[in-house]
Amino acid sequence: MRAKEKANELANKFILKSVFDMTDEELKEQREQGKAFAIICVDEILNDNPNVYDSDRLNHKYWKEVKREIGLL
């Protein structure tokens, strides 16, 4: 899965109500909260092993890209 797709998937998992049940303002608030929670998740993954070895470097790079994409949502 591309980093942009993963970023969107993570952020959407934290939206608690159906988009059809929210006002535009509530949707915007939920989206921002979802992004914040998704960044926390990615930070946990990145901080799990701060000593990145060569075998993990691509995985680490992927999650850094996911975090960047979450910020762009």
PDB file of N, CA and C in Angstrom:
ATOM      1  N   MET A   1       0.851  -1.169   0.000  1.00  0.00           N
ATOM      2  CA  MET A   1       0.000   0.000   0.000  1.00  0.00           C
ATOM      3  C   MET A   1       0.900   1.236   0.000  1.00  0.00           C
ATOM      4  N   ARG A   2       0.546   2.190  -0.828  1.00  0.00           N
ATOM      5  CA  ARG A   2       1.314   3.425  -0.900  1.00  0.00           C
ATOM      6  C   ARG A   2       1.144   4.212   0.392  1.00  0.00           C
ATOM      7  N   ALA A   3       2.139   5.032   0.701  1.00  0.00           N
ATOM      8  CA  ALA A   3       2.128   5.809   1.937  1.00  0.00           C
ATOM      9  C   ALA A   3       0.902   6.724   2.011  1.00  0.00           C
ATOM     10  N   LYS A   4       0.525   7.328   0.909  1.00  0.00           N
ATOM     11  CA  LYS A   4      -0.625   8.229   0.901  1.00  0.00           C
ATOM     12  C   LYS A   4      -1.905   7.465   1.231  1.00  0.00           C
ATOM     13  N   GLU A   5      -2.062   6.280   0.679  1.00  0.00           N
ATOM     14  CA  GLU A   5      -3.239   5.463   0.955  1.00  0.00           C
ATOM     15  C   GLU A   5      -3.274   5.031   2.422  1.00  0.00           C
ATOM     16  N   LYS A   6      -2.112   4.636   2.956  1.00  0.00           N
ATOM     17  CA  LYS A   6      -2.027   4.218   4.351  1.00  0.00           C
ATOM     18  C   LYS A   6      -2.350   5.385   5.277  1.00  0.00           C
ATOM     19  N   ALA A   7      -1.867   6.575   4.952  1.00  0.00           N
ATOM     20  CA  ALA A   7      -2.139   7.766   5.760  1.00  0.00           C
ATOM     21  C   ALA A   7      -3.644   8.019   5.832  1.00  0.00           C
ATOM     22  N   ASN A   8      -4.295   7.952   4.711  1.00  0.00           N
ATOM     23  CA  ASN A   8      -5.743   8.177   4.654  1.00  0.00           C
ATOM     24  C   ASN A   8      -6.491   7.087   5.427  1.00  0.00           C
ATOM     25  N   GLU A   9      -6.079   5.850   5.265  1.00  0.00           N
ATOM     26  CA  GLU A   9      -6.716   4.734   5.963  1.00  0.00           C
ATOM     27  C   GLU A   9      -6.605   4.907   7.479  1.00  0.00           C
ATOM     28  N   LEU A  10      -5.405   5.242   7.969  1.00  0.00           N
ATOM     29  CA  LEU A  10      -5.215   5.414   9.404  1.00  0.00           C
ATOM     30  C   LEU A  10      -6.066   6.557   9.952  1.00  0.00           C
ATOM     31  N   ALA A  11      -6.036   7.694   9.287  1.00  0.00           N
ATOM     32  CA  ALA A  11      -6.802   8.848   9.751  1.00  0.00           C
ATOM     33  C   ALA A  11      -8.296   8.538   9.784  1.00  0.00           C
ATOM     34  N   ASN A  12      -8.800   7.823   8.789  1.00  0.00           N
ATOM     35  CA  ASN A  12     -10.225   7.497   8.730  1.00  0.00           C
ATOM     36  C   ASN A  12     -10.662   6.518   9.816  1.00  0.00           C
ATOM     37  N   LYS A  13      -9.744   5.709  10.322  1.00  0.00           N
ATOM     38  CA  LYS A  13     -10.096   4.751  11.373  1.00  0.00           C
ATOM     39  C   LYS A  13     -10.473   5.436  12.675  1.00  0.00           C
ATOM     40  N   PHE A  14     -10.099   6.684  12.838  1.00  0.00           N
ATOM     41  CA  PHE A  14     -10.371   7.386  14.079  1.00  0.00           C
ATOM     42  C   PHE A  14     -11.583   8.306  14.004  1.00  0.00           C
ATOM     43  N   ILE A  15     -12.287   8.293  12.897  1.00  0.00           N
ATOM     44  CA  ILE A  15     -13.536   9.047  12.798  1.00  0.00           C
ATOM     45  C   ILE A  15     -14.626   8.203  13.450  1.00  0.00           C
ATOM     46  N   LEU A  16     -15.260   8.773  14.462  1.00  0.00           N
ATOM     47  CA  LEU A  16     -16.135   7.984  15.325  1.00  0.00           C
ATOM     48  C   LEU A  16     -17.579   7.895  14.877  1.00  0.00           C
ATOM     49  N   LYS A  17     -18.019   8.805  14.035  1.00  0.00           N
ATOM     50  CA  LYS A  17     -19.405   8.811  13.593  1.00  0.00           C
ATOM     51  C   LYS A  17     -19.460   8.711  12.071  1.00  0.00           C
ATOM     52  N   SER A  18     -20.610   8.338  11.590  1.00  0.00           N
ATOM     53  CA  SER A  18     -20.820   8.314  10.152  1.00  0.00           C
ATOM     54  C   SER A  18     -20.746   9.734   9.604  1.00  0.00           C
ATOM     55  N   VAL A  19     -20.125   9.889   8.468  1.00  0.00           N
ATOM     56  CA  VAL A  19     -20.024  11.218   7.862  1.00  0.00           C
ATOM     57  C   VAL A  19     -21.396  11.775   7.516  1.00  0.00           C
ATOM     58  N   PHE A  20     -22.368  10.925   7.383  1.00  0.00           N
ATOM     59  CA  PHE A  20     -23.715  11.377   7.049  1.00  0.00           C
ATOM     60  C   PHE A  20     -24.443  11.961   8.256  1.00  0.00           C
ATOM     61  N   ASP A  21     -23.924  11.683   9.469  1.00  0.00           N
ATOM     62  CA  ASP A  21     -24.540  12.171  10.699  1.00  0.00           C
ATOM     63  C   ASP A  21     -23.869  13.425  11.247  1.00  0.00           C
ATOM     64  N   MET A  22     -22.948  14.007  10.491  1.00  0.00           N
ATOM     65  CA  MET A  22     -22.179  15.138  10.991  1.00  0.00           C
ATOM     66  C   MET A  22     -22.404  16.391  10.154  1.00  0.00           C
ATOM     67  N   THR A  23     -22.287  17.507  10.831  1.00  0.00           N
ATOM     68  CA  THR A  23     -22.275  18.776  10.111  1.00  0.00           C
ATOM     69  C   THR A  23     -20.892  18.932   9.482  1.00  0.00           C
ATOM     70  N   ASP A  24     -20.744  19.895   8.608  1.00  0.00           N
ATOM     71  CA  ASP A  24     -19.447  20.142   7.990  1.00  0.00           C
ATOM     72  C   ASP A  24     -18.385  20.458   9.039  1.00  0.00           C
ATOM     73  N   GLU A  25     -18.763  21.221  10.048  1.00  0.00           N
ATOM     74  CA  GLU A  25     -17.822  21.583  11.120  1.00  0.00           C
ATOM     75  C   GLU A  25     -17.410  20.356  11.930  1.00  0.00           C
ATOM     76  N   GLU A  26     -18.383  19.485  12.248  1.00  0.00           N
ATOM     77  CA  GLU A  26     -18.064  18.258  12.986  1.00  0.00           C
ATOM     78  C   GLU A  26     -17.156  17.351  12.168  1.00  0.00           C
ATOM     79  N   LEU A  27     -17.415  17.269  10.889  1.00  0.00           N
ATOM     80  CA  LEU A  27     -16.583  16.447  10.014  1.00  0.00           C
ATOM     81  C   LEU A  27     -15.152  16.963   9.991  1.00  0.00           C
ATOM     82  N   LYS A  28     -15.001  18.274   9.902  1.00  0.00           N
ATOM     83  CA  LYS A  28     -13.667  18.867   9.905  1.00  0.00           C
ATOM     84  C   LYS A  28     -12.948  18.570  11.224  1.00  0.00           C
ATOM     85  N   GLU A  29     -13.661  18.701  12.356  1.00  0.00           N
ATOM     86  CA  GLU A  29     -13.074  18.416  13.665  1.00  0.00           C
ATOM     87  C   GLU A  29     -12.683  16.945  13.780  1.00  0.00           C
ATOM     88  N   GLN A  30     -13.558  16.051  13.342  1.00  0.00           N
ATOM     89  CA  GLN A  30     -13.269  14.616  13.390  1.00  0.00           C
ATOM     90  C   GLN A  30     -12.060  14.270  12.530  1.00  0.00           C
ATOM     91  N   ARG A  31     -11.989  14.894  11.374  1.00  0.00           N
ATOM     92  CA  ARG A  31     -10.872  14.635  10.460  1.00  0.00           C
ATOM     93  C   ARG A  31      -9.548  15.072  11.086  1.00  0.00           C
ATOM     94  N   GLU A  32      -9.535  16.247  11.704  1.00  0.00           N
ATOM     95  CA  GLU A  32      -8.318  16.737  12.353  1.00  0.00           C
ATOM     96  C   GLU A  32      -7.932  15.844  13.526  1.00  0.00           C
ATOM     97  N   GLN A  33      -8.926  15.403  14.282  1.00  0.00           N
ATOM     98  CA  GLN A  33      -8.651  14.503  15.397  1.00  0.00           C
ATOM     99  C   GLN A  33      -8.117  13.158  14.886  1.00  0.00           C
ATOM    100  N   GLY A  34      -8.707  12.660  13.811  1.00  0.00           N
ATOM    101  CA  GLY A  34      -8.233  11.415  13.210  1.00  0.00           C
ATOM    102  C   GLY A  34      -6.795  11.526  12.751  1.00  0.00           C
ATOM    103  N   LYS A  35      -6.448  12.659  12.160  1.00  0.00           N
ATOM    104  CA  LYS A  35      -5.065  12.879  11.731  1.00  0.00           C
ATOM    105  C   LYS A  35      -4.120  12.888  12.932  1.00  0.00           C
ATOM    106  N   ALA A  36      -4.527  13.557  14.002  1.00  0.00           N
ATOM    107  CA  ALA A  36      -3.678  13.630  15.195  1.00  0.00           C
ATOM    108  C   ALA A  36      -3.449  12.239  15.789  1.00  0.00           C
ATOM    109  N   PHE A  37      -4.513  11.435  15.858  1.00  0.00           N
ATOM    110  CA  PHE A  37      -4.375  10.078  16.384  1.00  0.00           C
ATOM    111  C   PHE A  37      -3.519   9.207  15.479  1.00  0.00           C
ATOM    112  N   ALA A  38      -3.669   9.364  14.183  1.00  0.00           N
ATOM    113  CA  ALA A  38      -2.872   8.580  13.234  1.00  0.00           C
ATOM    114  C   ALA A  38      -1.387   8.925  13.369  1.00  0.00           C
ATOM    115  N   ILE A  39      -1.078  10.197  13.586  1.00  0.00           N
ATOM    116  CA  ILE A  39       0.321  10.595  13.781  1.00  0.00           C
ATOM    117  C   ILE A  39       0.872   9.967  15.055  1.00  0.00           C
ATOM    118  N   ILE A  40       0.051   9.909  16.103  1.00  0.00           N
ATOM    119  CA  ILE A  40       0.491   9.253  17.339  1.00  0.00           C
ATOM    120  C   ILE A  40       0.830   7.787  17.063  1.00  0.00           C
ATOM    121  N   CYS A  41      -0.001   7.110  16.293  1.00  0.00           N
ATOM    122  CA  CYS A  41       0.251   5.702  15.956  1.00  0.00           C
ATOM    123  C   CYS A  41       1.556   5.536  15.189  1.00  0.00           C
ATOM    124  N   VAL A  42       1.762   6.383  14.203  1.00  0.00           N
ATOM    125  CA  VAL A  42       2.982   6.290  13.397  1.00  0.00           C
ATOM    126  C   VAL A  42       4.206   6.618  14.252  1.00  0.00           C
ATOM    127  N   ASP A  43       4.092   7.607  15.127  1.00  0.00           N
ATOM    128  CA  ASP A  43       5.207   7.920  16.031  1.00  0.00           C
ATOM    129  C   ASP A  43       5.557   6.729  16.906  1.00  0.00           C
ATOM    130  N   GLU A  44       4.547   6.004  17.371  1.00  0.00           N
ATOM    131  CA  GLU A  44       4.807   4.806  18.173  1.00  0.00           C
ATOM    132  C   GLU A  44       5.577   3.767  17.360  1.00  0.00           C
ATOM    133  N   ILE A  45       5.214   3.597  16.118  1.00  0.00           N
ATOM    134  CA  ILE A  45       5.917   2.650  15.247  1.00  0.00           C
ATOM    135  C   ILE A  45       7.361   3.108  15.042  1.00  0.00           C
ATOM    136  N   LEU A  46       7.548   4.381  14.744  1.00  0.00           N
ATOM    137  CA  LEU A  46       8.891   4.904  14.488  1.00  0.00           C
ATOM    138  C   LEU A  46       9.765   4.878  15.738  1.00  0.00           C
ATOM    139  N   ASN A  47       9.173   5.111  16.898  1.00  0.00           N
ATOM    140  CA  ASN A  47       9.947   5.159  18.136  1.00  0.00           C
ATOM    141  C   ASN A  47      10.143   3.797  18.785  1.00  0.00           C
ATOM    142  N   ASP A  48       9.485   2.785  18.254  1.00  0.00           N
ATOM    143  CA  ASP A  48       9.602   1.450  18.813  1.00  0.00           C
ATOM    144  C   ASP A  48      11.045   0.957  18.767  1.00  0.00           C
ATOM    145  N   ASN A  49      11.741   1.281  17.701  1.00  0.00           N
ATOM    146  CA  ASN A  49      13.136   0.878  17.570  1.00  0.00           C
ATOM    147  C   ASN A  49      13.917   2.037  16.963  1.00  0.00           C
ATOM    148  N   PRO A  50      14.400   2.926  17.818  1.00  0.00           N
ATOM    149  CA  PRO A  50      15.117   4.097  17.283  1.00  0.00           C
ATOM    150  C   PRO A  50      16.430   3.743  16.598  1.00  0.00           C
ATOM    151  N   ASN A  51      16.974   2.571  16.885  1.00  0.00           N
ATOM    152  CA  ASN A  51      18.211   2.131  16.240  1.00  0.00           C
ATOM    153  C   ASN A  51      17.863   1.368  14.969  1.00  0.00           C
ATOM    154  N   VAL A  52      17.709   2.089  13.895  1.00  0.00           N
ATOM    155  CA  VAL A  52      17.283   1.484  12.633  1.00  0.00           C
ATOM    156  C   VAL A  52      18.473   0.803  11.972  1.00  0.00           C
ATOM    157  N   TYR A  53      18.305  -0.487  11.719  1.00  0.00           N
ATOM    158  CA  TYR A  53      19.341  -1.248  11.032  1.00  0.00           C
ATOM    159  C   TYR A  53      19.033  -1.278   9.543  1.00  0.00           C
ATOM    160  N   ASP A  54      20.007  -1.662   8.765  1.00  0.00           N
ATOM    161  CA  ASP A  54      19.834  -1.674   7.312  1.00  0.00           C
ATOM    162  C   ASP A  54      18.601  -2.465   6.882  1.00  0.00           C
ATOM    163  N   SER A  55      18.340  -3.597   7.530  1.00  0.00           N
ATOM    164  CA  SER A  55      17.199  -4.421   7.126  1.00  0.00           C
ATOM    165  C   SER A  55      15.861  -3.733   7.406  1.00  0.00           C
ATOM    166  N   ASP A  56      15.841  -2.793   8.349  1.00  0.00           N
ATOM    167  CA  ASP A  56      14.609  -2.096   8.708  1.00  0.00           C
ATOM    168  C   ASP A  56      14.500  -0.720   8.073  1.00  0.00           C
ATOM    169  N   ARG A  57      15.530  -0.298   7.382  1.00  0.00           N
ATOM    170  CA  ARG A  57      15.584   1.065   6.868  1.00  0.00           C
ATOM    171  C   ARG A  57      14.437   1.386   5.911  1.00  0.00           C
ATOM    172  N   LEU A  58      14.073   0.459   5.036  1.00  0.00           N
ATOM    173  CA  LEU A  58      12.971   0.709   4.105  1.00  0.00           C
ATOM    174  C   LEU A  58      11.645   0.827   4.842  1.00  0.00           C
ATOM    175  N   ASN A  59      11.432  -0.025   5.834  1.00  0.00           N
ATOM    176  CA  ASN A  59      10.209   0.037   6.620  1.00  0.00           C
ATOM    177  C   ASN A  59      10.136   1.366   7.376  1.00  0.00           C
ATOM    178  N   HIS A  60      11.240   1.780   7.952  1.00  0.00           N
ATOM    179  CA  HIS A  60      11.309   3.053   8.673  1.00  0.00           C
ATOM    180  C   HIS A  60      11.030   4.219   7.715  1.00  0.00           C
ATOM    181  N   LYS A  61      11.608   4.150   6.541  1.00  0.00           N
ATOM    182  CA  LYS A  61      11.396   5.199   5.534  1.00  0.00           C
ATOM    183  C   LYS A  61       9.920   5.258   5.131  1.00  0.00           C
ATOM    184  N   TYR A  62       9.300   4.097   4.971  1.00  0.00           N
ATOM    185  CA  TYR A  62       7.887   4.030   4.606  1.00  0.00           C
ATOM    186  C   TYR A  62       7.031   4.744   5.658  1.00  0.00           C
ATOM    187  N   TRP A  63       7.254   4.448   6.948  1.00  0.00           N
ATOM    188  CA  TRP A  63       6.434   5.051   7.993  1.00  0.00           C
ATOM    189  C   TRP A  63       6.687   6.547   8.124  1.00  0.00           C
ATOM    190  N   LYS A  64       7.898   6.995   7.841  1.00  0.00           N
ATOM    191  CA  LYS A  64       8.157   8.436   7.832  1.00  0.00           C
ATOM    192  C   LYS A  64       7.378   9.100   6.696  1.00  0.00           C
ATOM    193  N   GLU A  65       7.284   8.418   5.578  1.00  0.00           N
ATOM    194  CA  GLU A  65       6.512   8.934   4.448  1.00  0.00           C
ATOM    195  C   GLU A  65       5.014   8.953   4.779  1.00  0.00           C
ATOM    196  N   VAL A  66       4.539   7.916   5.463  1.00  0.00           N
ATOM    197  CA  VAL A  66       3.132   7.883   5.893  1.00  0.00           C
ATOM    198  C   VAL A  66       2.856   9.070   6.802  1.00  0.00           C
ATOM    199  N   LYS A  67       3.743   9.352   7.737  1.00  0.00           N
ATOM    200  CA  LYS A  67       3.555  10.476   8.650  1.00  0.00           C
ATOM    201  C   LYS A  67       3.501  11.785   7.875  1.00  0.00           C
ATOM    202  N   ARG A  68       4.365  11.935   6.892  1.00  0.00           N
ATOM    203  CA  ARG A  68       4.364  13.150   6.064  1.00  0.00           C
ATOM    204  C   ARG A  68       3.038  13.287   5.325  1.00  0.00           C
ATOM    205  N   GLU A  69       2.545  12.194   4.780  1.00  0.00           N
ATOM    206  CA  GLU A  69       1.288  12.215   4.039  1.00  0.00           C
ATOM    207  C   GLU A  69       0.094  12.531   4.949  1.00  0.00           C
ATOM    208  N   ILE A  70       0.129  12.056   6.193  1.00  0.00           N
ATOM    209  CA  ILE A  70      -0.950  12.399   7.121  1.00  0.00           C
ATOM    210  C   ILE A  70      -1.007  13.900   7.301  1.00  0.00           C
ATOM    211  N   GLY A  71       0.154  14.531   7.401  1.00  0.00           N
ATOM    212  CA  GLY A  71       0.197  15.974   7.546  1.00  0.00           C
ATOM    213  C   GLY A  71      -0.365  16.716   6.342  1.00  0.00           C
ATOM    214  N   LEU A  72      -0.340  16.071   5.188  1.00  0.00           N
ATOM    215  CA  LEU A  72      -0.836  16.691   3.952  1.00  0.00           C
ATOM    216  C   LEU A  72      -2.335  16.474   3.736  1.00  0.00           C
ATOM    217  N   LEU A  73      -2.938  15.612   4.531  1.00  0.00           N
ATOM    218  CA  LEU A  73      -4.373  15.341   4.350  1.00  0.00           C
ATOM    219  C   LEU A  73      -5.208  16.568   4.646  1.00  0.00           C
TER     220      LEU A  73
END
